[in-house]
Amino acid sequence: MTEPAPIEDVPIGGDGIRLGQFLKFAGLLDSGGNVKEAIIDGYVTVNGEVDRRRGRQLQLGDVVTFEGRSVRVCP
């Protein structure tokens, strides 16, 4: 049984950020086109659930996962 990857904290310097912006900011994806495809195709989860809305407003403490890497929205 493999251990889940540790969750990285990514400070955003504010109260909230949109999912598409956060994926690029956290370094999970490098372009808007890649972000759009990954979200639409259901490869991105927020707090363990697939979310297909690029514009979803993330809150502090939300955990975003893509390709086995998890990052937490921090102040």
PDB file of N, CA and C in Angstrom:
ATOM      1  N   MET A   1       0.844  -1.184   0.000  1.00  0.00           N
ATOM      2  CA  MET A   1       0.000   0.000   0.000  1.00  0.00           C
ATOM      3  C   MET A   1       0.887   1.244   0.000  1.00  0.00           C
ATOM      4  N   THR A   2       0.642   2.147  -0.946  1.00  0.00           N
ATOM      5  CA  THR A   2       1.472   3.339  -1.022  1.00  0.00           C
ATOM      6  C   THR A   2       0.867   4.473  -0.214  1.00  0.00           C
ATOM      7  N   GLU A   3       1.740   5.282   0.326  1.00  0.00           N
ATOM      8  CA  GLU A   3       1.321   6.452   1.096  1.00  0.00           C
ATOM      9  C   GLU A   3       0.833   7.533   0.142  1.00  0.00           C
ATOM     10  N   PRO A   4      -0.231   8.261   0.507  1.00  0.00           N
ATOM     11  CA  PRO A   4      -0.630   9.391  -0.337  1.00  0.00           C
ATOM     12  C   PRO A   4       0.444  10.473  -0.297  1.00  0.00           C
ATOM     13  N   ALA A   5       0.558  11.196  -1.392  1.00  0.00           N
ATOM     14  CA  ALA A   5       1.557  12.273  -1.450  1.00  0.00           C
ATOM     15  C   ALA A   5       1.192  13.342  -0.435  1.00  0.00           C
ATOM     16  N   PRO A   6       2.196  13.984   0.149  1.00  0.00           N
ATOM     17  CA  PRO A   6       1.900  15.057   1.100  1.00  0.00           C
ATOM     18  C   PRO A   6       1.220  16.232   0.384  1.00  0.00           C
ATOM     19  N   ILE A   7       0.427  16.963   1.140  1.00  0.00           N
ATOM     20  CA  ILE A   7      -0.254  18.133   0.589  1.00  0.00           C
ATOM     21  C   ILE A   7       0.648  19.342   0.769  1.00  0.00           C
ATOM     22  N   GLU A   8       0.902  20.044  -0.342  1.00  0.00           N
ATOM     23  CA  GLU A   8       1.722  21.255  -0.310  1.00  0.00           C
ATOM     24  C   GLU A   8       0.845  22.458  -0.007  1.00  0.00           C
ATOM     25  N   ASP A   9       1.302  23.341   0.846  1.00  0.00           N
ATOM     26  CA  ASP A   9       0.595  24.591   1.096  1.00  0.00           C
ATOM     27  C   ASP A   9       1.077  25.637   0.098  1.00  0.00           C
ATOM     28  N   VAL A  10       0.131  26.322  -0.553  1.00  0.00           N
ATOM     29  CA  VAL A  10       0.468  27.368  -1.526  1.00  0.00           C
ATOM     30  C   VAL A  10      -0.188  28.669  -1.079  1.00  0.00           C
ATOM     31  N   PRO A  11       0.610  29.614  -0.551  1.00  0.00           N
ATOM     32  CA  PRO A  11       0.049  30.889  -0.118  1.00  0.00           C
ATOM     33  C   PRO A  11      -0.358  31.746  -1.314  1.00  0.00           C
ATOM     34  N   ILE A  12      -1.580  32.269  -1.258  1.00  0.00           N
ATOM     35  CA  ILE A  12      -2.077  33.083  -2.370  1.00  0.00           C
ATOM     36  C   ILE A  12      -2.074  34.572  -2.050  1.00  0.00           C
ATOM     37  N   GLY A  13      -1.807  34.925  -0.800  1.00  0.00           N
ATOM     38  CA  GLY A  13      -1.719  36.338  -0.435  1.00  0.00           C
ATOM     39  C   GLY A  13      -3.060  37.043  -0.422  1.00  0.00           C
ATOM     40  N   GLY A  14      -4.134  36.301  -0.204  1.00  0.00           N
ATOM     41  CA  GLY A  14      -5.463  36.906  -0.152  1.00  0.00           C
ATOM     42  C   GLY A  14      -6.470  35.919   0.390  1.00  0.00           C
ATOM     43  N   ASP A  15      -7.748  36.207   0.151  1.00  0.00           N
ATOM     44  CA  ASP A  15      -8.804  35.364   0.695  1.00  0.00           C
ATOM     45  C   ASP A  15      -9.300  34.289  -0.264  1.00  0.00           C
ATOM     46  N   GLY A  16      -9.182  34.526  -1.562  1.00  0.00           N
ATOM     47  CA  GLY A  16      -9.708  33.561  -2.509  1.00  0.00           C
ATOM     48  C   GLY A  16      -9.045  33.702  -3.867  1.00  0.00           C
ATOM     49  N   ILE A  17      -9.222  32.667  -4.689  1.00  0.00           N
ATOM     50  CA  ILE A  17      -8.645  32.648  -6.033  1.00  0.00           C
ATOM     51  C   ILE A  17      -9.486  31.676  -6.858  1.00  0.00           C
ATOM     52  N   ARG A  18      -9.559  31.890  -8.143  1.00  0.00           N
ATOM     53  CA  ARG A  18     -10.332  30.995  -9.004  1.00  0.00           C
ATOM     54  C   ARG A  18      -9.504  29.749  -9.318  1.00  0.00           C
ATOM     55  N   LEU A  19     -10.217  28.638  -9.543  1.00  0.00           N
ATOM     56  CA  LEU A  19      -9.573  27.339  -9.762  1.00  0.00           C
ATOM     57  C   LEU A  19      -8.565  27.393 -10.906  1.00  0.00           C
ATOM     58  N   GLY A  20      -8.944  27.943 -12.054  1.00  0.00           N
ATOM     59  CA  GLY A  20      -8.042  28.008 -13.200  1.00  0.00           C
ATOM     60  C   GLY A  20      -6.778  28.792 -12.890  1.00  0.00           C
ATOM     61  N   GLN A  21      -6.937  29.912 -12.197  1.00  0.00           N
ATOM     62  CA  GLN A  21      -5.774  30.730 -11.828  1.00  0.00           C
ATOM     63  C   GLN A  21      -4.870  29.978 -10.854  1.00  0.00           C
ATOM     64  N   PHE A  22      -5.494  29.286  -9.902  1.00  0.00           N
ATOM     65  CA  PHE A  22      -4.721  28.589  -8.873  1.00  0.00           C
ATOM     66  C   PHE A  22      -3.894  27.451  -9.458  1.00  0.00           C
ATOM     67  N   LEU A  23      -4.442  26.731 -10.433  1.00  0.00           N
ATOM     68  CA  LEU A  23      -3.683  25.640 -11.048  1.00  0.00           C
ATOM     69  C   LEU A  23      -2.391  26.149 -11.672  1.00  0.00           C
ATOM     70  N   LYS A  24      -2.443  27.312 -12.298  1.00  0.00           N
ATOM     71  CA  LYS A  24      -1.223  27.899 -12.884  1.00  0.00           C
ATOM     72  C   LYS A  24      -0.330  28.465 -11.787  1.00  0.00           C
ATOM     73  N   PHE A  25      -0.917  29.191 -10.830  1.00  0.00           N
ATOM     74  CA  PHE A  25      -0.159  29.820  -9.752  1.00  0.00           C
ATOM     75  C   PHE A  25       0.616  28.784  -8.935  1.00  0.00           C
ATOM     76  N   ALA A  26      -0.016  27.635  -8.693  1.00  0.00           N
ATOM     77  CA  ALA A  26       0.608  26.582  -7.883  1.00  0.00           C
ATOM     78  C   ALA A  26       1.600  25.744  -8.687  1.00  0.00           C
ATOM     79  N   GLY A  27       1.660  25.972 -10.013  1.00  0.00           N
ATOM     80  CA  GLY A  27       2.605  25.247 -10.851  1.00  0.00           C
ATOM     81  C   GLY A  27       2.134  23.858 -11.265  1.00  0.00           C
ATOM     82  N   LEU A  28       0.839  23.567 -11.095  1.00  0.00           N
ATOM     83  CA  LEU A  28       0.333  22.256 -11.504  1.00  0.00           C
ATOM     84  C   LEU A  28       0.197  22.170 -13.015  1.00  0.00           C
ATOM     85  N   LEU A  29      -0.126  23.289 -13.647  1.00  0.00           N
ATOM     86  CA  LEU A  29      -0.225  23.375 -15.105  1.00  0.00           C
ATOM     87  C   LEU A  29       0.392  24.704 -15.531  1.00  0.00           C
ATOM     88  N   ASP A  30       0.847  24.763 -16.799  1.00  0.00           N
ATOM     89  CA  ASP A  30       1.581  25.966 -17.191  1.00  0.00           C
ATOM     90  C   ASP A  30       0.874  26.877 -18.181  1.00  0.00           C
ATOM     91  N   SER A  31      -0.271  26.461 -18.715  1.00  0.00           N
ATOM     92  CA  SER A  31      -0.944  27.351 -19.663  1.00  0.00           C
ATOM     93  C   SER A  31      -2.453  27.291 -19.473  1.00  0.00           C
ATOM     94  N   GLY A  32      -3.117  28.361 -19.878  1.00  0.00           N
ATOM     95  CA  GLY A  32      -4.565  28.425 -19.774  1.00  0.00           C
ATOM     96  C   GLY A  32      -5.255  27.333 -20.558  1.00  0.00           C
ATOM     97  N   GLY A  33      -4.707  26.987 -21.726  1.00  0.00           N
ATOM     98  CA  GLY A  33      -5.288  25.921 -22.542  1.00  0.00           C
ATOM     99  C   GLY A  33      -5.228  24.574 -21.839  1.00  0.00           C
ATOM    100  N   ASN A  34      -4.075  24.297 -21.222  1.00  0.00           N
ATOM    101  CA  ASN A  34      -3.925  23.038 -20.487  1.00  0.00           C
ATOM    102  C   ASN A  34      -4.871  22.994 -19.287  1.00  0.00           C
ATOM    103  N   VAL A  35      -5.013  24.138 -18.611  1.00  0.00           N
ATOM    104  CA  VAL A  35      -5.918  24.231 -17.459  1.00  0.00           C
ATOM    105  C   VAL A  35      -7.341  23.919 -17.903  1.00  0.00           C
ATOM    106  N   LYS A  36      -7.773  24.566 -18.979  1.00  0.00           N
ATOM    107  CA  LYS A  36      -9.135  24.380 -19.477  1.00  0.00           C
ATOM    108  C   LYS A  36      -9.403  22.915 -19.799  1.00  0.00           C
ATOM    109  N   GLU A  37      -8.493  22.274 -20.531  1.00  0.00           N
ATOM    110  CA  GLU A  37      -8.667  20.863 -20.902  1.00  0.00           C
ATOM    111  C   GLU A  37      -8.700  19.958 -19.678  1.00  0.00           C
ATOM    112  N   ALA A  38      -7.773  20.147 -18.748  1.00  0.00           N
ATOM    113  CA  ALA A  38      -7.695  19.288 -17.564  1.00  0.00           C
ATOM    114  C   ALA A  38      -8.971  19.384 -16.733  1.00  0.00           C
ATOM    115  N   ILE A  39      -9.500  20.595 -16.592  1.00  0.00           N
ATOM    116  CA  ILE A  39     -10.716  20.783 -15.800  1.00  0.00           C
ATOM    117  C   ILE A  39     -11.923  20.184 -16.521  1.00  0.00           C
ATOM    118  N   ILE A  40     -12.089  20.509 -17.797  1.00  0.00           N
ATOM    119  CA  ILE A  40     -13.234  20.004 -18.561  1.00  0.00           C
ATOM    120  C   ILE A  40     -13.225  18.480 -18.633  1.00  0.00           C
ATOM    121  N   ASP A  41     -12.038  17.887 -18.763  1.00  0.00           N
ATOM    122  CA  ASP A  41     -11.934  16.430 -18.872  1.00  0.00           C
ATOM    123  C   ASP A  41     -12.058  15.714 -17.528  1.00  0.00           C
ATOM    124  N   GLY A  42     -12.191  16.474 -16.428  1.00  0.00           N
ATOM    125  CA  GLY A  42     -12.415  15.877 -15.114  1.00  0.00           C
ATOM    126  C   GLY A  42     -11.174  15.361 -14.416  1.00  0.00           C
ATOM    127  N   TYR A  43      -9.999  15.883 -14.780  1.00  0.00           N
ATOM    128  CA  TYR A  43      -8.752  15.431 -14.165  1.00  0.00           C
ATOM    129  C   TYR A  43      -8.387  16.198 -12.893  1.00  0.00           C
ATOM    130  N   VAL A  44      -9.153  17.225 -12.569  1.00  0.00           N
ATOM    131  CA  VAL A  44      -8.864  18.063 -11.405  1.00  0.00           C
ATOM    132  C   VAL A  44      -9.938  17.836 -10.347  1.00  0.00           C
ATOM    133  N   THR A  45      -9.496  17.636  -9.099  1.00  0.00           N
ATOM    134  CA  THR A  45     -10.463  17.533  -8.007  1.00  0.00           C
ATOM    135  C   THR A  45     -10.234  18.665  -7.014  1.00  0.00           C
ATOM    136  N   VAL A  46     -11.328  19.064  -6.391  1.00  0.00           N
ATOM    137  CA  VAL A  46     -11.287  20.051  -5.309  1.00  0.00           C
ATOM    138  C   VAL A  46     -11.907  19.378  -4.094  1.00  0.00           C
ATOM    139  N   ASN A  47     -11.125  19.258  -3.046  1.00  0.00           N
ATOM    140  CA  ASN A  47     -11.572  18.584  -1.822  1.00  0.00           C
ATOM    141  C   ASN A  47     -12.106  17.179  -2.127  1.00  0.00           C
ATOM    142  N   GLY A  48     -11.436  16.489  -3.062  1.00  0.00           N
ATOM    143  CA  GLY A  48     -11.762  15.099  -3.369  1.00  0.00           C
ATOM    144  C   GLY A  48     -12.870  14.891  -4.385  1.00  0.00           C
ATOM    145  N   GLU A  49     -13.458  15.965  -4.902  1.00  0.00           N
ATOM    146  CA  GLU A  49     -14.537  15.835  -5.871  1.00  0.00           C
ATOM    147  C   GLU A  49     -14.179  16.537  -7.176  1.00  0.00           C
ATOM    148  N   VAL A  50     -14.506  15.899  -8.298  1.00  0.00           N
ATOM    149  CA  VAL A  50     -14.255  16.505  -9.612  1.00  0.00           C
ATOM    150  C   VAL A  50     -15.077  17.785  -9.726  1.00  0.00           C
ATOM    151  N   ASP A  51     -14.434  18.851 -10.192  1.00  0.00           N
ATOM    152  CA  ASP A  51     -15.136  20.118 -10.432  1.00  0.00           C
ATOM    153  C   ASP A  51     -14.732  20.608 -11.812  1.00  0.00           C
ATOM    154  N   ARG A  52     -15.714  20.801 -12.682  1.00  0.00           N
ATOM    155  CA  ARG A  52     -15.436  21.188 -14.063  1.00  0.00           C
ATOM    156  C   ARG A  52     -15.633  22.679 -14.305  1.00  0.00           C
ATOM    157  N   ARG A  53     -15.532  23.495 -13.261  1.00  0.00           N
ATOM    158  CA  ARG A  53     -15.716  24.947 -13.397  1.00  0.00           C
ATOM    159  C   ARG A  53     -14.383  25.663 -13.187  1.00  0.00           C
ATOM    160  N   ARG A  54     -13.815  26.182 -14.263  1.00  0.00           N
ATOM    161  CA  ARG A  54     -12.555  26.927 -14.148  1.00  0.00           C
ATOM    162  C   ARG A  54     -12.700  28.120 -13.229  1.00  0.00           C
ATOM    163  N   GLY A  55     -13.884  28.732 -13.246  1.00  0.00           N
ATOM    164  CA  GLY A  55     -14.110  29.946 -12.470  1.00  0.00           C
ATOM    165  C   GLY A  55     -14.534  29.701 -11.038  1.00  0.00           C
ATOM    166  N   ARG A  56     -14.535  28.446 -10.603  1.00  0.00           N
ATOM    167  CA  ARG A  56     -14.917  28.156  -9.214  1.00  0.00           C
ATOM    168  C   ARG A  56     -14.043  28.962  -8.264  1.00  0.00           C
ATOM    169  N   GLN A  57     -14.671  29.642  -7.335  1.00  0.00           N
ATOM    170  CA  GLN A  57     -13.933  30.436  -6.350  1.00  0.00           C
ATOM    171  C   GLN A  57     -13.455  29.505  -5.241  1.00  0.00           C
ATOM    172  N   LEU A  58     -12.149  29.368  -5.108  1.00  0.00           N
ATOM    173  CA  LEU A  58     -11.588  28.541  -4.046  1.00  0.00           C
ATOM    174  C   LEU A  58     -11.506  29.351  -2.761  1.00  0.00           C
ATOM    175  N   GLN A  59     -11.625  28.658  -1.657  1.00  0.00           N
ATOM    176  CA  GLN A  59     -11.535  29.285  -0.344  1.00  0.00           C
ATOM    177  C   GLN A  59     -10.263  28.800   0.352  1.00  0.00           C
ATOM    178  N   LEU A  60      -9.827  29.528   1.370  1.00  0.00           N
ATOM    179  CA  LEU A  60      -8.666  29.101   2.146  1.00  0.00           C
ATOM    180  C   LEU A  60      -8.943  27.715   2.720  1.00  0.00           C
ATOM    181  N   GLY A  61      -7.970  26.828   2.595  1.00  0.00           N
ATOM    182  CA  GLY A  61      -8.103  25.470   3.104  1.00  0.00           C
ATOM    183  C   GLY A  61      -8.536  24.454   2.058  1.00  0.00           C
ATOM    184  N   ASP A  62      -9.044  24.906   0.895  1.00  0.00           N
ATOM    185  CA  ASP A  62      -9.424  23.972  -0.165  1.00  0.00           C
ATOM    186  C   ASP A  62      -8.183  23.236  -0.663  1.00  0.00           C
ATOM    187  N   VAL A  63      -8.349  21.948  -0.982  1.00  0.00           N
ATOM    188  CA  VAL A  63      -7.253  21.130  -1.496  1.00  0.00           C
ATOM    189  C   VAL A  63      -7.560  20.761  -2.946  1.00  0.00           C
ATOM    190  N   VAL A  64      -6.641  21.136  -3.851  1.00  0.00           N
ATOM    191  CA  VAL A  64      -6.788  20.873  -5.279  1.00  0.00           C
ATOM    192  C   VAL A  64      -5.790  19.781  -5.660  1.00  0.00           C
ATOM    193  N   THR A  65      -6.256  18.773  -6.405  1.00  0.00           N
ATOM    194  CA  THR A  65      -5.391  17.662  -6.798  1.00  0.00           C
ATOM    195  C   THR A  65      -5.417  17.488  -8.312  1.00  0.00           C
ATOM    196  N   PHE A  66      -4.224  17.295  -8.882  1.00  0.00           N
ATOM    197  CA  PHE A  66      -4.075  17.027 -10.308  1.00  0.00           C
ATOM    198  C   PHE A  66      -2.886  16.095 -10.480  1.00  0.00           C
ATOM    199  N   GLU A  67      -3.092  14.982 -11.166  1.00  0.00           N
ATOM    200  CA  GLU A  67      -2.046  13.983 -11.439  1.00  0.00           C
ATOM    201  C   GLU A  67      -1.266  13.584 -10.189  1.00  0.00           C
ATOM    202  N   GLY A  68      -1.985  13.309  -9.112  1.00  0.00           N
ATOM    203  CA  GLY A  68      -1.348  12.816  -7.890  1.00  0.00           C
ATOM    204  C   GLY A  68      -0.690  13.863  -7.023  1.00  0.00           C
ATOM    205  N   ARG A  69      -0.720  15.108  -7.435  1.00  0.00           N
ATOM    206  CA  ARG A  69      -0.120  16.187  -6.637  1.00  0.00           C
ATOM    207  C   ARG A  69      -1.240  17.015  -6.015  1.00  0.00           C
ATOM    208  N   SER A  70      -1.202  17.197  -4.704  1.00  0.00           N
ATOM    209  CA  SER A  70      -2.231  17.949  -3.999  1.00  0.00           C
ATOM    210  C   SER A  70      -1.651  19.214  -3.404  1.00  0.00           C
ATOM    211  N   VAL A  71      -2.386  20.308  -3.572  1.00  0.00           N
ATOM    212  CA  VAL A  71      -1.962  21.595  -3.029  1.00  0.00           C
ATOM    213  C   VAL A  71      -3.136  22.235  -2.290  1.00  0.00           C
ATOM    214  N   ARG A  72      -2.828  22.914  -1.175  1.00  0.00           N
ATOM    215  CA  ARG A  72      -3.844  23.542  -0.335  1.00  0.00           C
ATOM    216  C   ARG A  72      -3.746  25.054  -0.476  1.00  0.00           C
ATOM    217  N   VAL A  73      -4.896  25.704  -0.612  1.00  0.00           N
ATOM    218  CA  VAL A  73      -4.978  27.161  -0.688  1.00  0.00           C
ATOM    219  C   VAL A  73      -4.730  27.722   0.718  1.00  0.00           C
ATOM    220  N   CYS A  74      -3.680  28.543   0.854  1.00  0.00           N
ATOM    221  CA  CYS A  74      -3.341  29.140   2.152  1.00  0.00           C
ATOM    222  C   CYS A  74      -3.246  30.662   2.016  1.00  0.00           C
ATOM    223  N   PRO A  75      -3.415  31.367   3.151  1.00  0.00           N
ATOM    224  CA  PRO A  75      -3.351  32.844   3.093  1.00  0.00           C
ATOM    225  C   PRO A  75      -1.945  33.349   2.831  1.00  0.00           C
TER     226      PRO A  75
END
